N, C-alpha and C. Protein backbone atom coordinates (compact mmCIF):
# COMPACT_ATOMS: atom_id res chain seq x y z
N UNK A 1 -102.76 -35.02 17.24
CA UNK A 1 -103.80 -35.28 16.88
C UNK A 1 -103.97 -36.46 15.79
N UNK A 2 -103.25 -37.60 15.62
CA UNK A 2 -103.14 -39.00 14.82
C UNK A 2 -103.90 -39.45 16.34
N UNK A 3 -103.46 -39.57 16.97
CA UNK A 3 -104.28 -40.41 18.76
C UNK A 3 -106.55 -40.92 18.00
N UNK A 4 -106.51 -39.79 17.16
CA UNK A 4 -107.68 -40.19 17.06
C UNK A 4 -108.12 -41.33 15.51
N UNK A 5 -107.23 -41.16 14.53
CA UNK A 5 -107.56 -41.59 13.81
C UNK A 5 -106.86 -42.93 14.05
N UNK A 6 -105.68 -43.22 14.89
CA UNK A 6 -105.85 -44.50 15.41
C UNK A 6 -107.14 -44.96 16.75
N UNK A 7 -107.49 -43.97 17.25
CA UNK A 7 -108.97 -44.81 17.72
C UNK A 7 -109.77 -45.04 16.83
N UNK A 8 -109.87 -44.36 15.78
CA UNK A 8 -110.73 -44.65 14.46
C UNK A 8 -110.70 -46.23 14.45
N UNK A 9 -109.10 -46.15 14.07
CA UNK A 9 -108.45 -47.72 13.33
C UNK A 9 -108.96 -49.37 14.43
N UNK A 10 -108.79 -48.41 15.52
CA UNK A 10 -108.92 -49.81 16.69
C UNK A 10 -109.96 -49.51 16.58
N UNK A 11 -111.03 -49.10 17.47
CA UNK A 11 -112.33 -49.30 17.39
C UNK A 11 -113.27 -50.22 16.63
N UNK A 12 -113.06 -49.84 15.18
CA UNK A 12 -112.77 -50.92 14.05
C UNK A 12 -112.77 -51.77 13.96
N UNK A 13 -111.64 -52.28 14.15
CA UNK A 13 -110.68 -53.63 14.58
C UNK A 13 -111.83 -53.98 15.79
N UNK A 14 -112.20 -53.62 16.31
CA UNK A 14 -112.24 -54.13 17.66
C UNK A 14 -114.16 -54.71 17.22
N UNK A 15 -114.48 -53.72 16.81
CA UNK A 15 -115.80 -54.09 16.18
C UNK A 15 -115.75 -55.45 15.41
N UNK A 16 -114.92 -54.65 14.68
CA UNK A 16 -115.07 -56.76 13.81
C UNK A 16 -114.84 -58.35 14.23
N UNK A 17 -113.68 -57.97 15.37
CA UNK A 17 -113.83 -59.26 16.26
C UNK A 17 -114.54 -59.88 16.73
N UNK A 18 -115.53 -58.23 17.70
CA UNK A 18 -116.49 -58.33 18.91
C UNK A 18 -117.64 -58.88 17.76
N UNK A 19 -118.02 -58.69 16.25
CA UNK A 19 -118.70 -59.39 15.38
C UNK A 19 -118.49 -60.84 14.91
N UNK A 20 -116.85 -61.06 14.39
CA UNK A 20 -116.78 -62.13 14.54
C UNK A 20 -117.00 -63.41 15.84
N UNK A 21 -116.98 -62.90 16.05
CA UNK A 21 -117.11 -63.71 18.32
C UNK A 21 -118.53 -63.90 18.55
N UNK A 22 -119.21 -62.73 17.80
CA UNK A 22 -121.30 -62.93 18.18
C UNK A 22 -121.18 -62.08 19.94
N UNK A 23 -120.12 -60.85 20.00
CA UNK A 23 -120.39 -60.51 21.15
C UNK A 23 -121.71 -59.27 21.37
N UNK A 24 -122.26 -58.50 22.45
CA UNK A 24 -123.19 -58.11 22.87
C UNK A 24 -122.19 -57.05 23.05
N UNK A 25 -121.29 -57.10 23.70
CA UNK A 25 -120.62 -55.90 24.14
C UNK A 25 -119.19 -55.74 24.82
N UNK A 26 -118.06 -55.17 24.68
CA UNK A 26 -116.31 -55.09 25.04
C UNK A 26 -116.74 -54.86 26.05
N UNK A 27 -115.81 -55.02 27.22
CA UNK A 27 -115.84 -55.24 28.48
C UNK A 27 -114.57 -54.17 28.56
N UNK A 28 -113.09 -54.76 28.15
CA UNK A 28 -111.76 -54.63 28.51
C UNK A 28 -111.42 -54.71 27.52
N UNK A 29 -110.54 -53.29 26.13
CA UNK A 29 -109.90 -53.41 25.82
C UNK A 29 -108.01 -53.33 25.93
N UNK A 30 -107.24 -54.32 26.23
CA UNK A 30 -105.22 -53.62 26.80
C UNK A 30 -104.91 -53.54 25.22
N UNK A 31 -103.91 -52.20 25.76
CA UNK A 31 -102.94 -52.44 24.45
C UNK A 31 -101.52 -52.21 24.88
N UNK A 32 -100.93 -51.98 24.08
CA UNK A 32 -99.30 -52.35 24.64
C UNK A 32 -98.81 -50.87 23.54
N UNK A 33 -98.36 -49.77 24.38
CA UNK A 33 -98.26 -48.31 23.09
C UNK A 33 -96.37 -48.11 23.61
N UNK A 34 -95.79 -48.44 23.08
CA UNK A 34 -94.18 -48.44 22.69
C UNK A 34 -94.02 -46.34 23.25
N UNK A 35 -93.24 -46.81 24.46
CA UNK A 35 -92.66 -44.64 24.03
C UNK A 35 -92.26 -44.12 23.14
N UNK A 36 -91.76 -44.85 22.18
CA UNK A 36 -91.01 -43.72 21.00
C UNK A 36 -92.20 -44.07 19.78
N UNK A 37 -93.75 -44.90 20.17
CA UNK A 37 -93.89 -44.60 19.03
C UNK A 37 -95.28 -43.32 18.86
N UNK A 38 -94.76 -41.99 19.30
CA UNK A 38 -95.72 -41.03 18.91
C UNK A 38 -96.07 -40.49 19.32
N UNK A 39 -97.24 -42.38 20.07
CA UNK A 39 -98.56 -41.74 20.65
C UNK A 39 -98.75 -41.42 22.09
N UNK A 40 -99.41 -40.19 22.66
CA UNK A 40 -99.97 -39.27 23.30
C UNK A 40 -101.12 -40.69 24.18
N UNK A 41 -100.77 -41.29 25.09
CA UNK A 41 -101.80 -41.95 26.13
C UNK A 41 -102.67 -40.75 26.19
N UNK A 42 -102.84 -40.12 26.89
CA UNK A 42 -103.52 -39.14 27.38
C UNK A 42 -104.83 -38.92 26.55
N UNK A 43 -103.86 -38.09 25.24
CA UNK A 43 -104.51 -37.99 24.11
C UNK A 43 -105.23 -39.38 23.51
N UNK A 44 -104.36 -40.57 23.57
CA UNK A 44 -105.25 -41.73 23.15
C UNK A 44 -106.88 -42.12 24.08
N UNK A 45 -106.30 -41.63 24.97
CA UNK A 45 -107.68 -41.64 25.81
C UNK A 45 -109.00 -40.97 26.13
N UNK A 46 -108.54 -40.26 25.76
CA UNK A 46 -109.56 -39.12 25.16
C UNK A 46 -110.13 -39.26 24.13
N UNK A 47 -109.76 -39.15 23.03
CA UNK A 47 -110.97 -40.09 21.65
C UNK A 47 -111.04 -41.53 21.72
N UNK A 48 -110.02 -42.52 22.80
CA UNK A 48 -111.35 -42.67 23.23
C UNK A 48 -112.62 -42.96 23.90
N UNK A 49 -113.08 -42.16 24.94
CA UNK A 49 -114.02 -41.28 25.45
C UNK A 49 -114.81 -41.37 24.28
N UNK A 50 -114.16 -40.15 23.40
CA UNK A 50 -114.92 -39.26 21.80
C UNK A 50 -115.85 -41.02 21.57
N UNK A 51 -114.82 -42.01 20.99
CA UNK A 51 -115.17 -42.58 20.27
C UNK A 51 -115.97 -43.97 20.73
N UNK A 52 -115.93 -43.92 22.03
CA UNK A 52 -116.56 -45.57 22.16
C UNK A 52 -118.12 -45.53 22.75
N UNK A 53 -118.00 -43.61 22.65
CA UNK A 53 -119.86 -43.07 22.92
C UNK A 53 -120.63 -44.44 21.64
N UNK A 54 -122.26 -44.53 22.48
CA UNK A 54 -123.25 -45.51 21.15
C UNK A 54 -122.50 -46.19 20.00
N UNK A 55 -121.16 -47.26 20.60
CA UNK A 55 -121.03 -48.03 20.13
C UNK A 55 -121.10 -49.53 21.26
N UNK A 56 -120.29 -51.11 20.47
CA UNK A 56 -120.23 -51.77 21.29
C UNK A 56 -118.97 -51.51 22.13
N UNK A 57 -118.21 -50.74 22.34
CA UNK A 57 -117.64 -50.50 23.31
C UNK A 57 -117.51 -49.56 24.58
N UNK A 58 -118.98 -49.31 24.35
CA UNK A 58 -119.76 -48.08 25.31
C UNK A 58 -119.35 -48.24 26.65
N UNK A 59 -119.59 -49.30 27.42
CA UNK A 59 -119.15 -49.36 28.78
C UNK A 59 -117.52 -49.94 28.82
N UNK A 60 -116.63 -50.09 27.63
CA UNK A 60 -115.52 -50.89 28.03
C UNK A 60 -113.85 -49.69 28.58
N UNK A 61 -112.94 -50.63 29.33
CA UNK A 61 -112.66 -50.43 30.14
C UNK A 61 -110.88 -50.30 28.90
N UNK A 62 -110.45 -49.18 28.84
CA UNK A 62 -109.47 -49.44 28.32
C UNK A 62 -108.26 -49.11 29.21
N UNK A 63 -107.47 -50.66 29.18
CA UNK A 63 -106.55 -50.49 29.79
C UNK A 63 -104.28 -50.28 28.92
N UNK A 64 -103.78 -49.69 29.55
CA UNK A 64 -102.81 -49.12 27.78
C UNK A 64 -101.42 -49.75 29.16
N UNK A 65 -100.89 -50.46 28.01
CA UNK A 65 -99.25 -50.86 29.42
C UNK A 65 -98.66 -50.13 28.37
N UNK A 66 -97.28 -48.80 28.99
CA UNK A 66 -96.28 -48.30 28.28
C UNK A 66 -95.45 -48.88 28.33
N UNK A 67 -94.43 -49.69 26.93
CA UNK A 67 -93.43 -50.71 26.76
C UNK A 67 -92.49 -49.13 26.40
N UNK A 68 -91.30 -49.38 28.04
CA UNK A 68 -90.74 -49.26 27.15
C UNK A 68 -89.53 -48.58 26.76
N UNK A 69 -88.55 -48.39 25.69
CA UNK A 69 -87.57 -48.39 24.41
C UNK A 69 -86.18 -48.90 25.15
N UNK A 70 -86.64 -50.34 24.42
CA UNK A 70 -85.39 -50.97 24.63
C UNK A 70 -83.85 -50.87 23.53
N UNK A 71 -82.59 -50.79 24.24
CA UNK A 71 -81.84 -51.10 22.66
C UNK A 71 -80.38 -51.96 22.71
N UNK A 72 -80.41 -52.80 21.72
CA UNK A 72 -78.64 -53.19 21.90
C UNK A 72 -78.37 -53.22 21.06
N UNK A 73 -76.86 -54.12 21.31
CA UNK A 73 -75.67 -53.87 20.44
C UNK A 73 -76.23 -55.42 19.59
N UNK A 74 -76.40 -54.90 17.50
CA UNK A 74 -76.86 -55.98 16.89
C UNK A 74 -75.55 -56.98 16.86
N UNK A 75 -74.15 -57.04 17.31
CA UNK A 75 -73.55 -57.91 17.11
C UNK A 75 -73.17 -58.33 18.27
N UNK A 76 -73.06 -57.58 19.37
CA UNK A 76 -72.73 -58.56 20.83
C UNK A 76 -73.84 -58.51 21.58
N UNK A 77 -75.02 -58.46 21.40
CA UNK A 77 -76.42 -58.56 21.86
C UNK A 77 -76.19 -57.41 23.61
N UNK A 78 -74.95 -56.86 23.41
CA UNK A 78 -75.12 -55.41 24.95
C UNK A 78 -76.63 -55.15 24.51
N UNK A 79 -77.47 -55.20 25.25
CA UNK A 79 -78.24 -54.03 26.56
C UNK A 79 -77.41 -52.52 26.46
N UNK A 80 -77.94 -51.41 26.01
CA UNK A 80 -77.96 -50.82 26.61
C UNK A 80 -78.78 -49.61 27.10
N UNK A 81 -77.82 -48.64 28.46
CA UNK A 81 -78.57 -48.27 29.53
C UNK A 81 -79.54 -47.20 29.11
N UNK A 82 -80.34 -46.94 29.90
CA UNK A 82 -81.60 -45.83 28.83
C UNK A 82 -80.78 -44.17 29.21
N UNK A 83 -81.60 -43.77 27.93
CA UNK A 83 -80.52 -42.47 28.22
C UNK A 83 -78.87 -42.71 27.56
N UNK A 84 -78.08 -43.73 27.14
CA UNK A 84 -76.77 -43.98 26.47
C UNK A 84 -77.06 -43.23 25.67
N UNK A 85 -75.63 -42.94 25.25
CA UNK A 85 -74.99 -43.24 23.49
C UNK A 85 -76.27 -44.82 22.38
N UNK A 86 -76.64 -44.29 21.63
CA UNK A 86 -77.19 -45.50 20.93
C UNK A 86 -76.27 -46.07 19.71
N UNK A 87 -75.22 -46.38 20.51
CA UNK A 87 -73.77 -47.51 19.68
C UNK A 87 -73.49 -47.32 20.93
N UNK A 88 -73.03 -49.22 20.67
CA UNK A 88 -72.46 -50.03 21.80
C UNK A 88 -70.89 -50.17 22.13
N UNK A 89 -70.90 -49.23 23.65
CA UNK A 89 -69.53 -48.95 24.92
C UNK A 89 -68.63 -50.12 23.78
N UNK A 90 -68.61 -51.06 23.53
CA UNK A 90 -67.41 -52.31 23.56
C UNK A 90 -67.23 -52.54 21.56
N UNK A 91 -68.57 -52.66 20.84
CA UNK A 91 -67.99 -53.22 19.56
C UNK A 91 -67.68 -52.00 18.16
N UNK A 92 -68.75 -50.77 19.30
CA UNK A 92 -68.87 -49.11 18.37
C UNK A 92 -70.28 -49.44 17.02
N UNK A 93 -71.12 -50.38 17.43
CA UNK A 93 -72.17 -50.37 16.47
C UNK A 93 -72.98 -49.92 16.78
N UNK A 94 -73.67 -49.05 15.57
CA UNK A 94 -75.18 -48.49 16.10
C UNK A 94 -75.98 -49.41 17.07
N UNK A 95 -76.53 -48.77 17.51
CA UNK A 95 -77.71 -50.05 18.52
C UNK A 95 -78.50 -49.73 17.96
N UNK A 96 -79.78 -51.44 17.63
CA UNK A 96 -80.73 -51.49 16.75
C UNK A 96 -82.17 -51.41 17.64
N UNK A 97 -82.80 -51.06 17.65
CA UNK A 97 -83.94 -50.85 19.06
C UNK A 97 -84.58 -51.72 19.00
N UNK A 98 -84.73 -52.70 19.86
CA UNK A 98 -85.56 -53.91 20.14
C UNK A 98 -87.09 -53.86 20.34
N UNK A 99 -87.84 -52.71 21.75
CA UNK A 99 -88.52 -52.33 21.71
C UNK A 99 -89.13 -51.20 22.24
N UNK A 100 -90.40 -50.56 22.05
CA UNK A 100 -90.88 -49.21 22.46
C UNK A 100 -91.11 -48.07 21.16
N UNK A 101 -91.65 -49.03 20.15
CA UNK A 101 -92.36 -48.04 19.09
C UNK A 101 -93.14 -48.83 18.58
N UNK A 102 -93.95 -50.07 19.73
CA UNK A 102 -95.22 -50.66 19.00
C UNK A 102 -96.17 -50.30 19.08
N UNK A 103 -97.18 -50.51 18.36
CA UNK A 103 -98.87 -49.86 19.25
C UNK A 103 -99.49 -51.21 18.94
N UNK A 104 -100.08 -52.38 19.46
CA UNK A 104 -101.10 -53.34 19.87
C UNK A 104 -101.97 -53.55 20.19
N UNK A 105 -102.61 -54.27 19.58
CA UNK A 105 -103.85 -54.76 20.39
C UNK A 105 -103.91 -55.84 21.08
N UNK A 106 -103.86 -55.42 22.27
CA UNK A 106 -103.25 -57.38 23.00
C UNK A 106 -104.54 -58.28 23.47
N UNK A 107 -105.57 -57.00 23.45
CA UNK A 107 -106.90 -58.10 24.55
C UNK A 107 -107.42 -57.39 24.55
N UNK A 108 -108.89 -58.36 23.43
CA UNK A 108 -110.17 -57.93 24.01
C UNK A 108 -111.29 -58.43 24.95
N UNK A 109 -111.45 -58.41 25.96
CA UNK A 109 -112.58 -58.97 26.56
C UNK A 109 -114.23 -58.50 25.68
N UNK A 110 -114.68 -59.89 26.01
CA UNK A 110 -116.53 -59.27 25.24
C UNK A 110 -117.16 -60.08 26.17
N UNK A 111 -118.74 -59.76 25.71
CA UNK A 111 -119.44 -60.88 25.86
C UNK A 111 -120.44 -60.91 25.13
N UNK A 112 -120.81 -62.30 25.19
CA UNK A 112 -121.14 -62.77 23.69
C UNK A 112 -122.77 -63.22 24.74
N UNK A 113 -123.70 -63.14 23.02
CA UNK A 113 -124.72 -62.94 23.39
C UNK A 113 -125.47 -64.37 24.26
């Protein structure tokens, strides 16, 4: 249920940016959510529907790109296949997460006054 607090923080950030740019409405918000971020995308969308009502985002579309987890060897940089053991098959080094745990506000499209 932390998706509601994430959307609340997102709405605050979007409203701050909208005010800074003199926007009257927000048309679109684009997010990147890593598959290992611990976020339930459907629950995030539901939370957004609740929070956007009577806000500058009332008519905004929420676009979410789910970023797959990507692991590599920190020594030889070899990429590991999804679902593989998190250890380099050559170096035996523990793998390092390259992507998949992020939560990024990628873009805000707004309408200026």
